[in-house]
Amino acid sequence: MNKQELVDAVAAVTDESKAVTGEMIDAVIAAITGAVTKGDTVQLIGFGSFSTGARAARVGRNPATGAEIQIPAAKTVKFTAGKAFKDAVKAS
């Protein structure tokens, strides 16, 4: 499902226009992105939580040459699925 299909599905359930639904989805995504960027955790009970994580620097290999390369440390985004979401996926 892409973003437009999500907008269509939500608009059909809420009886809102697709334009308004698209703006609402954009606002939710922007709010989640802003909070996680500041280092906060966003918890949606039953769905999951978004948070930041850290990946340590490490040594990797160039697959073409086999030479060792340094892979720098990085900040990452983590999503942890909630119990209700996991149960719904498992039941399908």
PDB file of N, CA and C in Angstrom:
ATOM      1  N   MET A   1       0.849  -1.163   0.000  1.00  0.00           N
ATOM      2  CA  MET A   1       0.000   0.000   0.000  1.00  0.00           C
ATOM      3  C   MET A   1       0.901   1.234   0.000  1.00  0.00           C
ATOM      4  N   ASN A   2       0.662   2.121  -0.947  1.00  0.00           N
ATOM      5  CA  ASN A   2       1.408   3.368  -0.964  1.00  0.00           C
ATOM      6  C   ASN A   2       0.588   4.469  -0.285  1.00  0.00           C
ATOM      7  N   LYS A   3       1.130   5.681  -0.256  1.00  0.00           N
ATOM      8  CA  LYS A   3       0.474   6.765   0.468  1.00  0.00           C
ATOM      9  C   LYS A   3      -0.903   7.086  -0.114  1.00  0.00           C
ATOM     10  N   GLN A   4      -1.028   7.124  -1.422  1.00  0.00           N
ATOM     11  CA  GLN A   4      -2.317   7.455  -2.032  1.00  0.00           C
ATOM     12  C   GLN A   4      -3.368   6.392  -1.714  1.00  0.00           C
ATOM     13  N   GLU A   5      -2.967   5.134  -1.702  1.00  0.00           N
ATOM     14  CA  GLU A   5      -3.902   4.071  -1.337  1.00  0.00           C
ATOM     15  C   GLU A   5      -4.311   4.190   0.138  1.00  0.00           C
ATOM     16  N   LEU A   6      -3.385   4.608   0.989  1.00  0.00           N
ATOM     17  CA  LEU A   6      -3.703   4.840   2.396  1.00  0.00           C
ATOM     18  C   LEU A   6      -4.707   5.984   2.527  1.00  0.00           C
ATOM     19  N   VAL A   7      -4.482   7.070   1.802  1.00  0.00           N
ATOM     20  CA  VAL A   7      -5.408   8.204   1.819  1.00  0.00           C
ATOM     21  C   VAL A   7      -6.789   7.746   1.365  1.00  0.00           C
ATOM     22  N   ASP A   8      -6.849   6.976   0.296  1.00  0.00           N
ATOM     23  CA  ASP A   8      -8.137   6.481  -0.211  1.00  0.00           C
ATOM     24  C   ASP A   8      -8.851   5.623   0.831  1.00  0.00           C
ATOM     25  N   ALA A   9      -8.116   4.730   1.487  1.00  0.00           N
ATOM     26  CA  ALA A   9      -8.714   3.831   2.476  1.00  0.00           C
ATOM     27  C   ALA A   9      -9.235   4.602   3.687  1.00  0.00           C
ATOM     28  N   VAL A  10      -8.455   5.554   4.176  1.00  0.00           N
ATOM     29  CA  VAL A  10      -8.875   6.333   5.345  1.00  0.00           C
ATOM     30  C   VAL A  10     -10.048   7.237   4.981  1.00  0.00           C
ATOM     31  N   ALA A  11     -10.022   7.835   3.803  1.00  0.00           N
ATOM     32  CA  ALA A  11     -11.118   8.699   3.361  1.00  0.00           C
ATOM     33  C   ALA A  11     -12.418   7.912   3.248  1.00  0.00           C
ATOM     34  N   ALA A  12     -12.336   6.680   2.797  1.00  0.00           N
ATOM     35  CA  ALA A  12     -13.534   5.847   2.662  1.00  0.00           C
ATOM     36  C   ALA A  12     -14.133   5.514   4.032  1.00  0.00           C
ATOM     37  N   VAL A  13     -13.293   5.311   5.035  1.00  0.00           N
ATOM     38  CA  VAL A  13     -13.777   4.963   6.374  1.00  0.00           C
ATOM     39  C   VAL A  13     -14.323   6.190   7.105  1.00  0.00           C
ATOM     40  N   THR A  14     -13.686   7.342   6.913  1.00  0.00           N
ATOM     41  CA  THR A  14     -14.054   8.536   7.675  1.00  0.00           C
ATOM     42  C   THR A  14     -15.059   9.433   6.973  1.00  0.00           C
ATOM     43  N   ASP A  15     -15.386   9.153   5.738  1.00  0.00           N
ATOM     44  CA  ASP A  15     -16.285   9.989   4.933  1.00  0.00           C
ATOM     45  C   ASP A  15     -15.782  11.420   4.794  1.00  0.00           C
ATOM     46  N   GLU A  16     -14.479  11.601   4.824  1.00  0.00           N
ATOM     47  CA  GLU A  16     -13.860  12.905   4.566  1.00  0.00           C
ATOM     48  C   GLU A  16     -13.378  12.921   3.125  1.00  0.00           C
ATOM     49  N   SER A  17     -13.094  14.113   2.610  1.00  0.00           N
ATOM     50  CA  SER A  17     -12.557  14.200   1.255  1.00  0.00           C
ATOM     51  C   SER A  17     -11.120  13.678   1.257  1.00  0.00           C
ATOM     52  N   LYS A  18     -10.666  13.284   0.079  1.00  0.00           N
ATOM     53  CA  LYS A  18      -9.298  12.772  -0.023  1.00  0.00           C
ATOM     54  C   LYS A  18      -8.289  13.874   0.252  1.00  0.00           C
ATOM     55  N   ALA A  19      -8.604  15.108  -0.101  1.00  0.00           N
ATOM     56  CA  ALA A  19      -7.691  16.220   0.137  1.00  0.00           C
ATOM     57  C   ALA A  19      -7.506  16.454   1.641  1.00  0.00           C
ATOM     58  N   VAL A  20      -8.602  16.469   2.385  1.00  0.00           N
ATOM     59  CA  VAL A  20      -8.521  16.676   3.832  1.00  0.00           C
ATOM     60  C   VAL A  20      -7.821  15.495   4.491  1.00  0.00           C
ATOM     61  N   THR A  21      -8.137  14.292   4.056  1.00  0.00           N
ATOM     62  CA  THR A  21      -7.504  13.102   4.614  1.00  0.00           C
ATOM     63  C   THR A  21      -6.002  13.117   4.353  1.00  0.00           C
ATOM     64  N   GLY A  22      -5.599  13.506   3.154  1.00  0.00           N
ATOM     65  CA  GLY A  22      -4.176  13.600   2.818  1.00  0.00           C
ATOM     66  C   GLY A  22      -3.456  14.591   3.706  1.00  0.00           C
ATOM     67  N   GLU A  23      -4.105  15.741   3.984  1.00  0.00           N
ATOM     68  CA  GLU A  23      -3.508  16.738   4.871  1.00  0.00           C
ATOM     69  C   GLU A  23      -3.376  16.199   6.294  1.00  0.00           C
ATOM     70  N   MET A  24      -4.371  15.452   6.749  1.00  0.00           N
ATOM     71  CA  MET A  24      -4.308  14.876   8.099  1.00  0.00           C
ATOM     72  C   MET A  24      -3.181  13.857   8.201  1.00  0.00           C
ATOM     73  N   ILE A  25      -3.048  13.004   7.198  1.00  0.00           N
ATOM     74  CA  ILE A  25      -1.978  12.001   7.213  1.00  0.00           C
ATOM     75  C   ILE A  25      -0.619  12.686   7.172  1.00  0.00           C
ATOM     76  N   ASP A  26      -0.476  13.735   6.348  1.00  0.00           N
ATOM     77  CA  ASP A  26       0.776  14.492   6.302  1.00  0.00           C
ATOM     78  C   ASP A  26       1.087  15.108   7.663  1.00  0.00           C
ATOM     79  N   ALA A  27       0.054  15.623   8.345  1.00  0.00           N
ATOM     80  CA  ALA A  27       0.254  16.232   9.658  1.00  0.00           C
ATOM     81  C   ALA A  27       0.696  15.199  10.685  1.00  0.00           C
ATOM     82  N   VAL A  28       0.115  14.008  10.635  1.00  0.00           N
ATOM     83  CA  VAL A  28       0.512  12.940  11.571  1.00  0.00           C
ATOM     84  C   VAL A  28       1.959  12.537  11.325  1.00  0.00           C
ATOM     85  N   ILE A  29       2.314  12.370  10.070  1.00  0.00           N
ATOM     86  CA  ILE A  29       3.694  11.989   9.734  1.00  0.00           C
ATOM     87  C   ILE A  29       4.664  13.076  10.172  1.00  0.00           C
ATOM     88  N   ALA A  30       4.312  14.344   9.950  1.00  0.00           N
ATOM     89  CA  ALA A  30       5.180  15.456  10.351  1.00  0.00           C
ATOM     90  C   ALA A  30       5.333  15.505  11.870  1.00  0.00           C
ATOM     91  N   ALA A  31       4.256  15.264  12.609  1.00  0.00           N
ATOM     92  CA  ALA A  31       4.325  15.281  14.071  1.00  0.00           C
ATOM     93  C   ALA A  31       5.212  14.155  14.586  1.00  0.00           C
ATOM     94  N   ILE A  32       5.072  12.965  14.013  1.00  0.00           N
ATOM     95  CA  ILE A  32       5.905  11.828  14.424  1.00  0.00           C
ATOM     96  C   ILE A  32       7.375  12.112  14.086  1.00  0.00           C
ATOM     97  N   THR A  33       7.621  12.605  12.884  1.00  0.00           N
ATOM     98  CA  THR A  33       8.987  12.907  12.453  1.00  0.00           C
ATOM     99  C   THR A  33       9.620  13.961  13.351  1.00  0.00           C
ATOM    100  N   GLY A  34       8.879  15.017  13.666  1.00  0.00           N
ATOM    101  CA  GLY A  34       9.402  16.071  14.521  1.00  0.00           C
ATOM    102  C   GLY A  34       9.743  15.579  15.910  1.00  0.00           C
ATOM    103  N   ALA A  35       8.864  14.774  16.492  1.00  0.00           N
ATOM    104  CA  ALA A  35       9.102  14.262  17.845  1.00  0.00           C
ATOM    105  C   ALA A  35      10.304  13.329  17.880  1.00  0.00           C
ATOM    106  N   VAL A  36      10.399  12.410  16.931  1.00  0.00           N
ATOM    107  CA  VAL A  36      11.515  11.452  16.920  1.00  0.00           C
ATOM    108  C   VAL A  36      12.825  12.177  16.617  1.00  0.00           C
ATOM    109  N   THR A  37      12.774  13.207  15.768  1.00  0.00           N
ATOM    110  CA  THR A  37      13.975  13.991  15.465  1.00  0.00           C
ATOM    111  C   THR A  37      14.517  14.666  16.712  1.00  0.00           C
ATOM    112  N   LYS A  38      13.623  15.106  17.610  1.00  0.00           N
ATOM    113  CA  LYS A  38      14.044  15.744  18.866  1.00  0.00           C
ATOM    114  C   LYS A  38      14.512  14.717  19.898  1.00  0.00           C
ATOM    115  N   GLY A  39      14.350  13.430  19.618  1.00  0.00           N
ATOM    116  CA  GLY A  39      14.781  12.390  20.542  1.00  0.00           C
ATOM    117  C   GLY A  39      13.662  11.814  21.384  1.00  0.00           C
ATOM    118  N   ASP A  40      12.434  12.271  21.166  1.00  0.00           N
ATOM    119  CA  ASP A  40      11.289  11.741  21.907  1.00  0.00           C
ATOM    120  C   ASP A  40      10.850  10.401  21.324  1.00  0.00           C
ATOM    121  N   THR A  41      10.101   9.655  22.122  1.00  0.00           N
ATOM    122  CA  THR A  41       9.492   8.408  21.657  1.00  0.00           C
ATOM    123  C   THR A  41       8.016   8.667  21.428  1.00  0.00           C
ATOM    124  N   VAL A  42       7.505   8.203  20.306  1.00  0.00           N
ATOM    125  CA  VAL A  42       6.080   8.343  19.991  1.00  0.00           C
ATOM    126  C   VAL A  42       5.444   6.967  20.164  1.00  0.00           C
ATOM    127  N   GLN A  43       4.505   6.855  21.114  1.00  0.00           N
ATOM    128  CA  GLN A  43       3.845   5.584  21.384  1.00  0.00           C
ATOM    129  C   GLN A  43       2.389   5.663  20.952  1.00  0.00           C
ATOM    130  N   LEU A  44       2.003   4.776  20.080  1.00  0.00           N
ATOM    131  CA  LEU A  44       0.617   4.646  19.657  1.00  0.00           C
ATOM    132  C   LEU A  44       0.137   3.307  20.205  1.00  0.00           C
ATOM    133  N   ILE A  45      -0.574   3.364  21.326  1.00  0.00           N
ATOM    134  CA  ILE A  45      -0.986   2.152  22.025  1.00  0.00           C
ATOM    135  C   ILE A  45      -1.751   1.234  21.072  1.00  0.00           C
ATOM    136  N   GLY A  46      -1.356  -0.020  21.033  1.00  0.00           N
ATOM    137  CA  GLY A  46      -1.980  -1.004  20.170  1.00  0.00           C
ATOM    138  C   GLY A  46      -1.335  -1.097  18.804  1.00  0.00           C
ATOM    139  N   PHE A  47      -0.620  -0.045  18.390  1.00  0.00           N
ATOM    140  CA  PHE A  47       0.032  -0.053  17.078  1.00  0.00           C
ATOM    141  C   PHE A  47       1.528  -0.246  17.211  1.00  0.00           C
ATOM    142  N   GLY A  48       2.192   0.642  17.973  1.00  0.00           N
ATOM    143  CA  GLY A  48       3.623   0.513  18.135  1.00  0.00           C
ATOM    144  C   GLY A  48       4.245   1.808  18.594  1.00  0.00           C
ATOM    145  N   SER A  49       5.578   1.820  18.647  1.00  0.00           N
ATOM    146  CA  SER A  49       6.273   3.034  19.068  1.00  0.00           C
ATOM    147  C   SER A  49       7.456   3.301  18.149  1.00  0.00           C
ATOM    148  N   PHE A  50       7.681   4.605  17.922  1.00  0.00           N
ATOM    149  CA  PHE A  50       8.795   5.081  17.117  1.00  0.00           C
ATOM    150  C   PHE A  50       9.796   5.721  18.065  1.00  0.00           C
ATOM    151  N   SER A  51      11.074   5.407  17.904  1.00  0.00           N
ATOM    152  CA  SER A  51      12.115   5.991  18.745  1.00  0.00           C
ATOM    153  C   SER A  51      13.419   6.051  17.960  1.00  0.00           C
ATOM    154  N   THR A  52      14.424   6.665  18.579  1.00  0.00           N
ATOM    155  CA  THR A  52      15.733   6.722  17.935  1.00  0.00           C
ATOM    156  C   THR A  52      16.624   5.628  18.507  1.00  0.00           C
ATOM    157  N   GLY A  53      17.580   5.229  17.727  1.00  0.00           N
ATOM    158  CA  GLY A  53      18.555   4.239  18.151  1.00  0.00           C
ATOM    159  C   GLY A  53      19.929   4.670  17.682  1.00  0.00           C
ATOM    160  N   ALA A  54      20.918   3.919  18.061  1.00  0.00           N
ATOM    161  CA  ALA A  54      22.284   4.233  17.655  1.00  0.00           C
ATOM    162  C   ALA A  54      22.939   2.974  17.108  1.00  0.00           C
ATOM    163  N   ARG A  55      23.651   3.159  16.032  1.00  0.00           N
ATOM    164  CA  ARG A  55      24.419   2.056  15.452  1.00  0.00           C
ATOM    165  C   ARG A  55      25.892   2.422  15.607  1.00  0.00           C
ATOM    166  N   ALA A  56      26.665   1.547  16.208  1.00  0.00           N
ATOM    167  CA  ALA A  56      28.078   1.811  16.483  1.00  0.00           C
ATOM    168  C   ALA A  56      28.899   1.780  15.192  1.00  0.00           C
ATOM    169  N   ALA A  57      30.010   2.472  15.229  1.00  0.00           N
ATOM    170  CA  ALA A  57      30.953   2.420  14.110  1.00  0.00           C
ATOM    171  C   ALA A  57      31.504   0.998  14.015  1.00  0.00           C
ATOM    172  N   ARG A  58      31.793   0.580  12.806  1.00  0.00           N
ATOM    173  CA  ARG A  58      32.302  -0.775  12.641  1.00  0.00           C
ATOM    174  C   ARG A  58      33.149  -0.860  11.370  1.00  0.00           C
ATOM    175  N   VAL A  59      33.823  -1.968  11.225  1.00  0.00           N
ATOM    176  CA  VAL A  59      34.634  -2.215  10.033  1.00  0.00           C
ATOM    177  C   VAL A  59      33.841  -3.122   9.113  1.00  0.00           C
ATOM    178  N   GLY A  60      33.748  -2.746   7.850  1.00  0.00           N
ATOM    179  CA  GLY A  60      33.061  -3.548   6.861  1.00  0.00           C
ATOM    180  C   GLY A  60      34.002  -3.876   5.718  1.00  0.00           C
ATOM    181  N   ARG A  61      33.479  -4.558   4.734  1.00  0.00           N
ATOM    182  CA  ARG A  61      34.290  -4.918   3.568  1.00  0.00           C
ATOM    183  C   ARG A  61      33.607  -4.455   2.296  1.00  0.00           C
ATOM    184  N   ASN A  62      34.397  -3.937   1.387  1.00  0.00           N
ATOM    185  CA  ASN A  62      33.905  -3.589   0.062  1.00  0.00           C
ATOM    186  C   ASN A  62      33.688  -4.896  -0.682  1.00  0.00           C
ATOM    187  N   PRO A  63      32.448  -5.204  -1.100  1.00  0.00           N
ATOM    188  CA  PRO A  63      32.208  -6.496  -1.730  1.00  0.00           C
ATOM    189  C   PRO A  63      32.918  -6.674  -3.071  1.00  0.00           C
ATOM    190  N   ALA A  64      33.227  -5.578  -3.735  1.00  0.00           N
ATOM    191  CA  ALA A  64      33.892  -5.688  -5.034  1.00  0.00           C
ATOM    192  C   ALA A  64      35.379  -5.977  -4.893  1.00  0.00           C
ATOM    193  N   THR A  65      36.030  -5.325  -3.935  1.00  0.00           N
ATOM    194  CA  THR A  65      37.481  -5.471  -3.814  1.00  0.00           C
ATOM    195  C   THR A  65      37.913  -6.280  -2.601  1.00  0.00           C
ATOM    196  N   GLY A  66      37.050  -6.397  -1.614  1.00  0.00           N
ATOM    197  CA  GLY A  66      37.421  -7.109  -0.395  1.00  0.00           C
ATOM    198  C   GLY A  66      38.176  -6.245   0.593  1.00  0.00           C
ATOM    199  N   ALA A  67      38.407  -4.971   0.235  1.00  0.00           N
ATOM    200  CA  ALA A  67      39.148  -4.070   1.108  1.00  0.00           C
ATOM    201  C   ALA A  67      38.295  -3.682   2.319  1.00  0.00           C
ATOM    202  N   GLU A  68      38.971  -3.521   3.466  1.00  0.00           N
ATOM    203  CA  GLU A  68      38.261  -3.100   4.665  1.00  0.00           C
ATOM    204  C   GLU A  68      37.935  -1.619   4.572  1.00  0.00           C
ATOM    205  N   ILE A  69      36.735  -1.270   5.051  1.00  0.00           N
ATOM    206  CA  ILE A  69      36.337   0.135   5.085  1.00  0.00           C
ATOM    207  C   ILE A  69      35.739   0.428   6.452  1.00  0.00           C
ATOM    208  N   GLN A  70      35.873   1.674   6.887  1.00  0.00           N
ATOM    209  CA  GLN A  70      35.287   2.106   8.147  1.00  0.00           C
ATOM    210  C   GLN A  70      33.850   2.563   7.876  1.00  0.00           C
ATOM    211  N   ILE A  71      32.906   2.001   8.587  1.00  0.00           N
ATOM    212  CA  ILE A  71      31.515   2.422   8.500  1.00  0.00           C
ATOM    213  C   ILE A  71      31.258   3.272   9.736  1.00  0.00           C
ATOM    214  N   PRO A  72      30.906   4.550   9.554  1.00  0.00           N
ATOM    215  CA  PRO A  72      30.761   5.439  10.707  1.00  0.00           C
ATOM    216  C   PRO A  72      29.531   5.115  11.551  1.00  0.00           C
ATOM    217  N   ALA A  73      29.540   5.596  12.786  1.00  0.00           N
ATOM    218  CA  ALA A  73      28.383   5.457  13.671  1.00  0.00           C
ATOM    219  C   ALA A  73      27.219   6.238  13.062  1.00  0.00           C
ATOM    220  N   ALA A  74      25.992   5.806  13.354  1.00  0.00           N
ATOM    221  CA  ALA A  74      24.830   6.472  12.780  1.00  0.00           C
ATOM    222  C   ALA A  74      23.659   6.449  13.751  1.00  0.00           C
ATOM    223  N   LYS A  75      22.829   7.481  13.653  1.00  0.00           N
ATOM    224  CA  LYS A  75      21.573   7.518  14.389  1.00  0.00           C
ATOM    225  C   LYS A  75      20.528   6.843  13.510  1.00  0.00           C
ATOM    226  N   THR A  76      19.687   6.023  14.103  1.00  0.00           N
ATOM    227  CA  THR A  76      18.675   5.316  13.329  1.00  0.00           C
ATOM    228  C   THR A  76      17.297   5.532  13.937  1.00  0.00           C
ATOM    229  N   VAL A  77      16.284   5.160  13.186  1.00  0.00           N
ATOM    230  CA  VAL A  77      14.905   5.196  13.662  1.00  0.00           C
ATOM    231  C   VAL A  77      14.482   3.762  13.922  1.00  0.00           C
ATOM    232  N   LYS A  78      13.872   3.531  15.087  1.00  0.00           N
ATOM    233  CA  LYS A  78      13.391   2.198  15.428  1.00  0.00           C
ATOM    234  C   LYS A  78      11.870   2.229  15.508  1.00  0.00           C
ATOM    235  N   PHE A  79      11.247   1.178  15.017  1.00  0.00           N
ATOM    236  CA  PHE A  79       9.815   0.995  15.199  1.00  0.00           C
ATOM    237  C   PHE A  79       9.630  -0.337  15.896  1.00  0.00           C
ATOM    238  N   THR A  80       8.907  -0.317  16.999  1.00  0.00           N
ATOM    239  CA  THR A  80       8.591  -1.540  17.724  1.00  0.00           C
ATOM    240  C   THR A  80       7.086  -1.735  17.653  1.00  0.00           C
ATOM    241  N   ALA A  81       6.669  -2.835  17.069  1.00  0.00           N
ATOM    242  CA  ALA A  81       5.240  -3.106  16.910  1.00  0.00           C
ATOM    243  C   ALA A  81       4.596  -3.394  18.260  1.00  0.00           C
ATOM    244  N   GLY A  82       3.371  -2.895  18.440  1.00  0.00           N
ATOM    245  CA  GLY A  82       2.613  -3.142  19.659  1.00  0.00           C
ATOM    246  C   GLY A  82       1.986  -4.521  19.650  1.00  0.00           C
ATOM    247  N   LYS A  83       1.535  -4.961  20.807  1.00  0.00           N
ATOM    248  CA  LYS A  83       0.978  -6.310  20.950  1.00  0.00           C
ATOM    249  C   LYS A  83      -0.244  -6.525  20.057  1.00  0.00           C
ATOM    250  N   ALA A  84      -1.169  -5.568  20.030  1.00  0.00           N
ATOM    251  CA  ALA A  84      -2.374  -5.730  19.217  1.00  0.00           C
ATOM    252  C   ALA A  84      -2.017  -5.835  17.738  1.00  0.00           C
ATOM    253  N   PHE A  85      -1.042  -5.051  17.286  1.00  0.00           N
ATOM    254  CA  PHE A  85      -0.609  -5.088  15.885  1.00  0.00           C
ATOM    255  C   PHE A  85       0.029  -6.451  15.566  1.00  0.00           C
ATOM    256  N   LYS A  86       0.900  -6.910  16.460  1.00  0.00           N
ATOM    257  CA  LYS A  86       1.539  -8.224  16.264  1.00  0.00           C
ATOM    258  C   LYS A  86       0.497  -9.325  16.210  1.00  0.00           C
ATOM    259  N   ASP A  87      -0.468  -9.268  17.130  1.00  0.00           N
ATOM    260  CA  ASP A  87      -1.503 -10.298  17.178  1.00  0.00           C
ATOM    261  C   ASP A  87      -2.351 -10.286  15.915  1.00  0.00           C
ATOM    262  N   ALA A  88      -2.660  -9.096  15.381  1.00  0.00           N
ATOM    263  CA  ALA A  88      -3.456  -8.999  14.158  1.00  0.00           C
ATOM    264  C   ALA A  88      -2.708  -9.590  12.980  1.00  0.00           C
ATOM    265  N   VAL A  89      -1.408  -9.330  12.902  1.00  0.00           N
ATOM    266  CA  VAL A  89      -0.602  -9.876  11.797  1.00  0.00           C
ATOM    267  C   VAL A  89      -0.483 -11.386  11.939  1.00  0.00           C
ATOM    268  N   LYS A  90      -0.270 -11.851  13.156  1.00  0.00           N
ATOM    269  CA  LYS A  90      -0.122 -13.282  13.394  1.00  0.00           C
ATOM    270  C   LYS A  90      -1.412 -14.037  13.056  1.00  0.00           C
ATOM    271  N   ALA A  91      -2.563 -13.427  13.323  1.00  0.00           N
ATOM    272  CA  ALA A  91      -3.851 -14.077  13.097  1.00  0.00           C
ATOM    273  C   ALA A  91      -4.219 -14.155  11.616  1.00  0.00           C
ATOM    274  N   SER A  92      -3.612 -13.296  10.794  1.00  0.00           N
ATOM    275  CA  SER A  92      -3.987 -13.283   9.367  1.00  0.00           C
ATOM    276  C   SER A  92      -3.316 -14.380   8.569  1.00  0.00           C
TER     277      SER A  92
END
